[in-house]
């Protein structure tokens, strides 16, 4: 009976029985070992082996999501922030992935953590928060030794940046002050516009006195209970 064992992460190992048909799936690469030495790489398809000295190790080459746990890292201005990183990684060279390190994924985690600490240590809190969108690209460039593990990092992003509680309160106060300043500015603009309209109306009334009478008639007509007499009084009426 064929025995399966696991080797590291994303790999499976089997000792095929002589003459038995073995299949490498579309999303895998097969590594053929004979007497402990890597003798070939097999693509997707069916194979038969005729010696008991052969070992077939299948490696899953599909991309997977990399989650780096929350790291507490001091920034350039001495503030300790909590940062979480997420990315996408895949096996680029199955032979190197299996033979280069005992735990290649753990080595990748370490490389990402070191690059993250270097990036945060060079940045202030303000730069880190304001440049969050481009920080993933800079972090990706700072990760070293990935090729030596047979891996490829396709993407890295700063998923979360958690600031200390006192700094959060200070930022909230800044936002409130900024909102209050905007509200005061809008009120001042509204009052200036209203005064400008009143000045224009006063100038028009001074130039055209009849406009003031028309405006008075409009106001009286808008409400009930007013009697409006238009014209000169009758002859012989005492004033």
C-alpha atoms as a PDB file:
ATOM      1  CA  UNK A   1       0.000   0.000   0.000  1.00  0.00           C
ATOM      2  CA  UNK A   2       1.302   3.471  -0.896  1.00  0.00           C
ATOM      3  CA  UNK A   3       2.323   5.637   2.059  1.00  0.00           C
ATOM      4  CA  UNK A   4       1.900   9.411   2.039  1.00  0.00           C
ATOM      5  CA  UNK A   5       3.818  11.753   4.327  1.00  0.00           C
ATOM      6  CA  UNK A   6       4.001  15.535   4.572  1.00  0.00           C
ATOM      7  CA  UNK A   7       7.211  17.457   4.147  1.00  0.00           C
ATOM      8  CA  UNK A   8       7.162  21.096   5.187  1.00  0.00           C
ATOM      9  CA  UNK A   9       4.323  23.266   3.964  1.00  0.00           C
ATOM     10  CA  UNK A  10       2.385  22.690   0.721  1.00  0.00           C
ATOM     11  CA  UNK A  11       4.222  19.467  -0.163  1.00  0.00           C
ATOM     12  CA  UNK A  12       3.368  15.764  -0.134  1.00  0.00           C
ATOM     13  CA  UNK A  13       5.768  12.851  -0.386  1.00  0.00           C
ATOM     14  CA  UNK A  14       5.073   9.340  -1.614  1.00  0.00           C
ATOM     15  CA  UNK A  15       7.076   6.183  -2.363  1.00  0.00           C
ATOM     16  CA  UNK A  16       5.406   4.789  -5.483  1.00  0.00           C
ATOM     17  CA  UNK A  17       5.075   1.046  -5.866  1.00  0.00           C
ATOM     18  CA  UNK A  18       6.861  -0.305  -8.961  1.00  0.00           C
ATOM     19  CA  UNK A  19       4.614  -0.022 -12.003  1.00  0.00           C
ATOM     20  CA  UNK A  20       2.014   2.038 -10.163  1.00  0.00           C
ATOM     21  CA  UNK A  21       0.534   5.014 -12.029  1.00  0.00           C
ATOM     22  CA  UNK A  22       1.129   8.347 -10.297  1.00  0.00           C
ATOM     23  CA  UNK A  23      -0.556  11.625 -11.265  1.00  0.00           C
ATOM     24  CA  UNK A  24       0.793  15.136 -10.795  1.00  0.00           C
ATOM     25  CA  UNK A  25      -2.116  17.598 -10.727  1.00  0.00           C
ATOM     26  CA  UNK A  26      -2.392  20.788 -12.782  1.00  0.00           C
ATOM     27  CA  UNK A  27      -1.597  22.977  -9.766  1.00  0.00           C
ATOM     28  CA  UNK A  28       1.433  20.919  -8.709  1.00  0.00           C
ATOM     29  CA  UNK A  29       5.024  20.282  -9.648  1.00  0.00           C
ATOM     30  CA  UNK A  30       6.483  16.845  -9.055  1.00  0.00           C
ATOM     31  CA  UNK A  31      10.020  16.408  -7.747  1.00  0.00           C
ATOM     32  CA  UNK A  32      11.571  13.001  -8.424  1.00  0.00           C
ATOM     33  CA  UNK A  33      14.193  11.864  -5.917  1.00  0.00           C
ATOM     34  CA  UNK A  34      16.274   8.730  -6.355  1.00  0.00           C
ATOM     35  CA  UNK A  35      18.526   7.529  -3.569  1.00  0.00           C
ATOM     36  CA  UNK A  36      18.044  10.892  -1.856  1.00  0.00           C
ATOM     37  CA  UNK A  37      19.127  13.017  -4.838  1.00  0.00           C
ATOM     38  CA  UNK A  38      16.857  15.253  -6.893  1.00  0.00           C
ATOM     39  CA  UNK A  39      16.964  13.845 -10.427  1.00  0.00           C
ATOM     40  CA  UNK A  40      14.108  15.671 -12.170  1.00  0.00           C
ATOM     41  CA  UNK A  41      11.087  17.950 -12.104  1.00  0.00           C
ATOM     42  CA  UNK A  42       7.780  16.619 -13.404  1.00  0.00           C
ATOM     43  CA  UNK A  43       4.966  18.721 -14.806  1.00  0.00           C
ATOM     44  CA  UNK A  44       1.254  17.859 -14.643  1.00  0.00           C
ATOM     45  CA  UNK A  45       0.451  14.409 -15.983  1.00  0.00           C
ATOM     46  CA  UNK A  46       0.591  10.664 -15.280  1.00  0.00           C
ATOM     47  CA  UNK A  47       3.826   8.748 -14.625  1.00  0.00           C
ATOM     48  CA  UNK A  48       4.954   5.216 -13.787  1.00  0.00           C
ATOM     49  CA  UNK A  49       7.976   4.286 -11.720  1.00  0.00           C
ATOM     50  CA  UNK A  50       9.787   0.957 -11.836  1.00  0.00           C
ATOM     51  CA  UNK A  51      12.172   1.158  -8.918  1.00  0.00           C
ATOM     52  CA  UNK A  52      11.591   1.264  -5.181  1.00  0.00           C
ATOM     53  CA  UNK A  53      14.391   3.795  -4.797  1.00  0.00           C
ATOM     54  CA  UNK A  54      12.194   6.540  -6.310  1.00  0.00           C
ATOM     55  CA  UNK A  55      10.432   9.125  -4.175  1.00  0.00           C
ATOM     56  CA  UNK A  56       7.859  11.532  -5.637  1.00  0.00           C
ATOM     57  CA  UNK A  57       7.310  14.800  -3.833  1.00  0.00           C
ATOM     58  CA  UNK A  58       4.417  16.945  -5.019  1.00  0.00           C
ATOM     59  CA  UNK A  59       4.582  20.712  -4.432  1.00  0.00           C
ATOM     60  CA  UNK A  60       1.477  22.912  -4.585  1.00  0.00           C
ATOM     61  CA  UNK A  61       2.439  25.971  -6.695  1.00  0.00           C
ATOM     62  CA  UNK A  62      -0.831  27.879  -6.387  1.00  0.00           C
ATOM     63  CA  UNK A  63      -0.591  31.345  -4.789  1.00  0.00           C
ATOM     64  CA  UNK A  64      -1.673  31.670  -1.175  1.00  0.00           C
ATOM     65  CA  UNK A  65      -2.331  34.526   1.218  1.00  0.00           C
ATOM     66  CA  UNK A  66       0.446  35.448   3.621  1.00  0.00           C
ATOM     67  CA  UNK A  67      -0.658  36.874   6.996  1.00  0.00           C
ATOM     68  CA  UNK A  68       2.072  38.304   9.212  1.00  0.00           C
ATOM     69  CA  UNK A  69       0.831  38.606  12.822  1.00  0.00           C
ATOM     70  CA  UNK A  70       0.660  42.013  14.487  1.00  0.00           C
ATOM     71  CA  UNK A  71       4.099  43.484  15.101  1.00  0.00           C
ATOM     72  CA  UNK A  72       4.865  46.225  17.641  1.00  0.00           C
ATOM     73  CA  UNK A  73       7.478  48.422  15.980  1.00  0.00           C
ATOM     74  CA  UNK A  74       8.925  51.811  17.063  1.00  0.00           C
ATOM     75  CA  UNK A  75       8.827  54.576  14.460  1.00  0.00           C
ATOM     76  CA  UNK A  76      11.522  57.155  13.707  1.00  0.00           C
ATOM     77  CA  UNK A  77       9.935  59.615  16.167  1.00  0.00           C
ATOM     78  CA  UNK A  78       9.845  57.076  19.007  1.00  0.00           C
ATOM     79  CA  UNK A  79       6.163  56.056  18.873  1.00  0.00           C
ATOM     80  CA  UNK A  80       5.423  52.333  19.061  1.00  0.00           C
ATOM     81  CA  UNK A  81       2.738  51.274  16.569  1.00  0.00           C
ATOM     82  CA  UNK A  82       1.114  47.921  15.891  1.00  0.00           C
ATOM     83  CA  UNK A  83       1.290  46.875  12.244  1.00  0.00           C
ATOM     84  CA  UNK A  84      -0.263  43.897  10.456  1.00  0.00           C
ATOM     85  CA  UNK A  85       0.919  42.798   7.002  1.00  0.00           C
ATOM     86  CA  UNK A  86      -0.881  40.734   4.373  1.00  0.00           C
ATOM     87  CA  UNK A  87       0.307  39.656   0.954  1.00  0.00           C
ATOM     88  CA  UNK A  88       0.260  37.061  -1.797  1.00  0.00           C
ATOM     89  CA  UNK A  89       3.067  34.509  -2.290  1.00  0.00           C
ATOM     90  CA  UNK A  90       3.670  31.478  -4.487  1.00  0.00           C
ATOM     91  CA  UNK A  91       6.265  28.808  -5.138  1.00  0.00           C
ATOM     92  CA  UNK A  92       8.447  29.939  -8.039  1.00  0.00           C
ATOM     93  CA  UNK A  93      10.959  27.066  -8.035  1.00  0.00           C
ATOM     94  CA  UNK A  94       9.757  23.833  -6.477  1.00  0.00           C
ATOM     95  CA  UNK A  95      13.232  22.271  -6.360  1.00  0.00           C
ATOM     96  CA  UNK A  96      14.765  25.211  -4.498  1.00  0.00           C
ATOM     97  CA  UNK A  97      11.695  25.472  -2.243  1.00  0.00           C
ATOM     98  CA  UNK A  98      12.150  21.893  -1.040  1.00  0.00           C
ATOM     99  CA  UNK A  99      15.949  21.719  -0.835  1.00  0.00           C
ATOM    100  CA  UNK A 100      17.052  25.234   0.218  1.00  0.00           C
ATOM    101  CA  UNK A 101      15.574  25.410   3.744  1.00  0.00           C
ATOM    102  CA  UNK A 102      13.944  23.162   6.298  1.00  0.00           C
ATOM    103  CA  UNK A 103      11.078  25.632   6.827  1.00  0.00           C
ATOM    104  CA  UNK A 104      10.953  28.021   3.856  1.00  0.00           C
ATOM    105  CA  UNK A 105       7.656  29.631   4.895  1.00  0.00           C
ATOM    106  CA  UNK A 106       9.006  30.401   8.365  1.00  0.00           C
ATOM    107  CA  UNK A 107      12.102  31.930   6.744  1.00  0.00           C
ATOM    108  CA  UNK A 108       9.817  34.055   4.570  1.00  0.00           C
ATOM    109  CA  UNK A 109       7.921  35.288   7.643  1.00  0.00           C
ATOM    110  CA  UNK A 110      11.211  36.302   9.236  1.00  0.00           C
ATOM    111  CA  UNK A 111      12.339  38.179   6.108  1.00  0.00           C
ATOM    112  CA  UNK A 112       9.039  40.103   5.943  1.00  0.00           C
ATOM    113  CA  UNK A 113       9.202  40.954   9.657  1.00  0.00           C
ATOM    114  CA  UNK A 114      12.771  42.287   9.332  1.00  0.00           C
ATOM    115  CA  UNK A 115      11.828  44.387   6.283  1.00  0.00           C
ATOM    116  CA  UNK A 116       8.759  45.725   8.118  1.00  0.00           C
ATOM    117  CA  UNK A 117      10.819  46.815  11.115  1.00  0.00           C
ATOM    118  CA  UNK A 118      13.340  48.556   8.863  1.00  0.00           C
ATOM    119  CA  UNK A 119      10.571  50.379   6.985  1.00  0.00           C
ATOM    120  CA  UNK A 120       8.742  51.553  10.125  1.00  0.00           C
ATOM    121  CA  UNK A 121      11.983  52.546  11.861  1.00  0.00           C
ATOM    122  CA  UNK A 122      12.763  54.939   8.983  1.00  0.00           C
ATOM    123  CA  UNK A 123       9.300  56.556   8.994  1.00  0.00           C
ATOM    124  CA  UNK A 124       7.521  58.923  11.335  1.00  0.00           C
ATOM    125  CA  UNK A 125       3.945  58.235  12.398  1.00  0.00           C
ATOM    126  CA  UNK A 126       2.646  60.969  10.117  1.00  0.00           C
ATOM    127  CA  UNK A 127       4.603  59.648   7.126  1.00  0.00           C
ATOM    128  CA  UNK A 128       3.506  56.095   7.848  1.00  0.00           C
ATOM    129  CA  UNK A 129      -0.199  56.945   8.033  1.00  0.00           C
ATOM    130  CA  UNK A 130      -0.165  59.431   5.137  1.00  0.00           C
ATOM    131  CA  UNK A 131       1.899  57.153   2.859  1.00  0.00           C
ATOM    132  CA  UNK A 132       0.114  53.936   3.712  1.00  0.00           C
ATOM    133  CA  UNK A 133      -0.967  53.341   0.106  1.00  0.00           C
ATOM    134  CA  UNK A 134       2.613  53.238  -1.164  1.00  0.00           C
ATOM    135  CA  UNK A 135       4.133  51.551   1.889  1.00  0.00           C
ATOM    136  CA  UNK A 136       3.362  48.078   0.552  1.00  0.00           C
ATOM    137  CA  UNK A 137       5.548  48.612  -2.504  1.00  0.00           C
ATOM    138  CA  UNK A 138       8.437  49.887  -0.382  1.00  0.00           C
ATOM    139  CA  UNK A 139       8.033  46.940   1.975  1.00  0.00           C
ATOM    140  CA  UNK A 140       8.067  44.505  -0.940  1.00  0.00           C
ATOM    141  CA  UNK A 141      11.317  45.998  -2.198  1.00  0.00           C
ATOM    142  CA  UNK A 142      12.879  45.631   1.241  1.00  0.00           C
ATOM    143  CA  UNK A 143      12.261  41.885   1.644  1.00  0.00           C
ATOM    144  CA  UNK A 144      15.525  40.038   0.949  1.00  0.00           C
ATOM    145  CA  UNK A 145      16.370  36.397   0.280  1.00  0.00           C
ATOM    146  CA  UNK A 146      13.007  35.340  -1.161  1.00  0.00           C
ATOM    147  CA  UNK A 147      14.520  33.974  -4.385  1.00  0.00           C
ATOM    148  CA  UNK A 148      16.887  31.828  -2.345  1.00  0.00           C
ATOM    149  CA  UNK A 149      13.838  30.076  -0.853  1.00  0.00           C
ATOM    150  CA  UNK A 150      12.280  29.309  -4.239  1.00  0.00           C
ATOM    151  CA  UNK A 151       9.402  31.690  -3.493  1.00  0.00           C
ATOM    152  CA  UNK A 152       7.983  34.789  -5.190  1.00  0.00           C
ATOM    153  CA  UNK A 153       6.214  37.628  -3.370  1.00  0.00           C
ATOM    154  CA  UNK A 154       3.605  39.091  -5.700  1.00  0.00           C
ATOM    155  CA  UNK A 155       2.112  41.627  -3.255  1.00  0.00           C
ATOM    156  CA  UNK A 156       2.532  43.039   0.239  1.00  0.00           C
ATOM    157  CA  UNK A 157       0.287  45.574   1.950  1.00  0.00           C
ATOM    158  CA  UNK A 158       0.084  47.190   5.372  1.00  0.00           C
ATOM    159  CA  UNK A 159      -3.276  45.812   6.433  1.00  0.00           C
ATOM    160  CA  UNK A 160      -3.631  47.602   9.794  1.00  0.00           C
ATOM    161  CA  UNK A 161      -1.769  50.410  11.558  1.00  0.00           C
ATOM    162  CA  UNK A 162      -2.863  50.749  15.187  1.00  0.00           C
ATOM    163  CA  UNK A 163      -1.707  53.880  17.015  1.00  0.00           C
ATOM    164  CA  UNK A 164      -1.371  54.269  20.812  1.00  0.00           C
ATOM    165  CA  UNK A 165      -4.512  55.379  22.638  1.00  0.00           C
ATOM    166  CA  UNK A 166      -3.191  58.845  23.576  1.00  0.00           C
ATOM    167  CA  UNK A 167      -2.155  59.497  19.992  1.00  0.00           C
ATOM    168  CA  UNK A 168      -5.613  58.439  18.786  1.00  0.00           C
ATOM    169  CA  UNK A 169      -7.204  60.957  21.159  1.00  0.00           C
ATOM    170  CA  UNK A 170      -4.850  63.689  19.936  1.00  0.00           C
ATOM    171  CA  UNK A 171      -5.718  62.907  16.312  1.00  0.00           C
ATOM    172  CA  UNK A 172      -9.424  62.986  17.167  1.00  0.00           C
ATOM    173  CA  UNK A 173      -8.992  66.420  18.748  1.00  0.00           C
ATOM    174  CA  UNK A 174      -7.160  67.646  15.655  1.00  0.00           C
ATOM    175  CA  UNK A 175     -10.002  66.424  13.442  1.00  0.00           C
ATOM    176  CA  UNK A 176     -12.604  68.097  15.692  1.00  0.00           C
ATOM    177  CA  UNK A 177     -10.681  71.389  15.682  1.00  0.00           C
ATOM    178  CA  UNK A 178     -10.336  71.214  11.918  1.00  0.00           C
ATOM    179  CA  UNK A 179     -14.077  70.583  11.499  1.00  0.00           C
ATOM    180  CA  UNK A 180     -14.933  73.464  13.840  1.00  0.00           C
ATOM    181  CA  UNK A 181     -12.599  75.768  11.897  1.00  0.00           C
ATOM    182  CA  UNK A 182     -14.280  74.789   8.623  1.00  0.00           C
ATOM    183  CA  UNK A 183     -17.720  75.450  10.156  1.00  0.00           C
ATOM    184  CA  UNK A 184     -16.620  78.879  11.434  1.00  0.00           C
ATOM    185  CA  UNK A 185     -15.181  79.722   8.030  1.00  0.00           C
ATOM    186  CA  UNK A 186     -18.428  78.758   6.301  1.00  0.00           C
ATOM    187  CA  UNK A 187     -20.441  80.885   8.751  1.00  0.00           C
ATOM    188  CA  UNK A 188     -18.155  83.871   8.117  1.00  0.00           C
ATOM    189  CA  UNK A 189     -18.537  83.406   4.378  1.00  0.00           C
ATOM    190  CA  UNK A 190     -22.328  83.287   4.743  1.00  0.00           C
ATOM    191  CA  UNK A 191     -22.405  86.440   6.861  1.00  0.00           C
ATOM    192  CA  UNK A 192     -20.153  88.262   4.391  1.00  0.00           C
ATOM    193  CA  UNK A 193     -22.396  87.266   1.515  1.00  0.00           C
ATOM    194  CA  UNK A 194     -25.495  88.438   3.429  1.00  0.00           C
ATOM    195  CA  UNK A 195     -23.902  91.835   4.216  1.00  0.00           C
ATOM    196  CA  UNK A 196     -22.856  92.224   0.607  1.00  0.00           C
ATOM    197  CA  UNK A 197     -26.431  91.554  -0.521  1.00  0.00           C
ATOM    198  CA  UNK A 198     -27.773  94.096   1.979  1.00  0.00           C
ATOM    199  CA  UNK A 199     -25.283  96.714   0.776  1.00  0.00           C
ATOM    200  CA  UNK A 200     -26.327  96.112  -2.824  1.00  0.00           C
ATOM    201  CA  UNK A 201     -30.008  96.427  -1.869  1.00  0.00           C
ATOM    202  CA  UNK A 202     -29.377  99.671   0.028  1.00  0.00           C
ATOM    203  CA  UNK A 203     -27.545 101.147  -2.935  1.00  0.00           C
ATOM    204  CA  UNK A 204     -30.378 100.220  -5.304  1.00  0.00           C
ATOM    205  CA  UNK A 205     -32.977 101.730  -2.947  1.00  0.00           C
ATOM    206  CA  UNK A 206     -30.981 104.946  -2.711  1.00  0.00           C
ATOM    207  CA  UNK A 207     -30.772 105.169  -6.490  1.00  0.00           C
ATOM    208  CA  UNK A 208     -34.393 104.080  -7.112  1.00  0.00           C
ATOM    209  CA  UNK A 209     -36.724 105.057  -4.182  1.00  0.00           C
ATOM    210  CA  UNK A 210     -39.679 103.415  -5.911  1.00  0.00           C
ATOM    211  CA  UNK A 211     -38.053 100.021  -5.344  1.00  0.00           C
ATOM    212  CA  UNK A 212     -38.443 100.466  -1.598  1.00  0.00           C
ATOM    213  CA  UNK A 213     -42.170 101.129  -1.987  1.00  0.00           C
ATOM    214  CA  UNK A 214     -42.580  98.063  -4.213  1.00  0.00           C
ATOM    215  CA  UNK A 215     -40.756  95.951  -1.677  1.00  0.00           C
ATOM    216  CA  UNK A 216     -43.044  97.267   1.064  1.00  0.00           C
ATOM    217  CA  UNK A 217     -46.104  96.353  -0.983  1.00  0.00           C
ATOM    218  CA  UNK A 218     -44.741  92.830  -1.498  1.00  0.00           C
ATOM    219  CA  UNK A 219     -44.242  92.349   2.216  1.00  0.00           C
ATOM    220  CA  UNK A 220     -47.750  93.665   3.020  1.00  0.00           C
ATOM    221  CA  UNK A 221     -49.331  91.465   0.360  1.00  0.00           C
ATOM    222  CA  UNK A 222     -47.594  88.389   1.739  1.00  0.00           C
ATOM    223  CA  UNK A 223     -49.546  88.552   5.015  1.00  0.00           C
ATOM    224  CA  UNK A 224     -53.303  88.875   5.763  1.00  0.00           C
ATOM    225  CA  UNK A 225     -55.009  91.712   7.672  1.00  0.00           C
ATOM    226  CA  UNK A 226     -53.461  94.683   5.848  1.00  0.00           C
ATOM    227  CA  UNK A 227     -55.319  97.439   4.014  1.00  0.00           C
ATOM    228  CA  UNK A 228     -53.327  99.168   1.331  1.00  0.00           C
ATOM    229  CA  UNK A 229     -54.460 102.460  -0.253  1.00  0.00           C
ATOM    230  CA  UNK A 230     -52.717 103.406  -3.465  1.00  0.00           C
ATOM    231  CA  UNK A 231     -52.985 106.914  -4.975  1.00  0.00           C
ATOM    232  CA  UNK A 232     -53.608 110.497  -3.758  1.00  0.00           C
ATOM    233  CA  UNK A 233     -56.296 111.313  -1.106  1.00  0.00           C
ATOM    234  CA  UNK A 234     -59.695 112.806  -2.311  1.00  0.00           C
ATOM    235  CA  UNK A 235     -60.085 116.578  -2.743  1.00  0.00           C
ATOM    236  CA  UNK A 236     -61.192 118.449   0.399  1.00  0.00           C
ATOM    237  CA  UNK A 237     -59.859 115.801   2.747  1.00  0.00           C
ATOM    238  CA  UNK A 238     -57.889 117.246   5.566  1.00  0.00           C
ATOM    239  CA  UNK A 239     -54.495 115.841   6.099  1.00  0.00           C
END
